[in-house]
């Protein structure tokens, strides 16, 4: 079940997202509250926080759901495959003159699972991308 300390709101919100992803039929506010150890009003505020983070949450017949098309299934890459992705996106980055926040977000996620020297290279690329004008 899991009860969260008062200062663990971020962890609790992540737990709610995980619970909703794992329950395609959705959960009621009460079910989420019980599983996270908080009251339903707190759960309601946490769900609204997820919405504010652009997680596509909706209610249907009293149940809270995440759009099942929002996340793709996790894929495990070898280091060589991850490097190939990095090089492909880096090449794409070189041939565009506009910033793409989705590419930057993907790079940041990739950096989180890469060895430190490679992660620093990825972060440098994200910083370079941030200097470009946004894609309108």
Foldseek 3Di string as FASTA:
>chain_A
DEEDDPPPLVVLLVVQVVVQLVDQVAAALCVSCVVHVHDSVSSVVSVVVVVVVVQQWDDDPRGIHTPNPPDDDDDDDDLVRLVVVVVVVVVVLVPDQAADVVSLVVLQVSLVPHPPVVSVVSVVSSVVSVPGHHDD
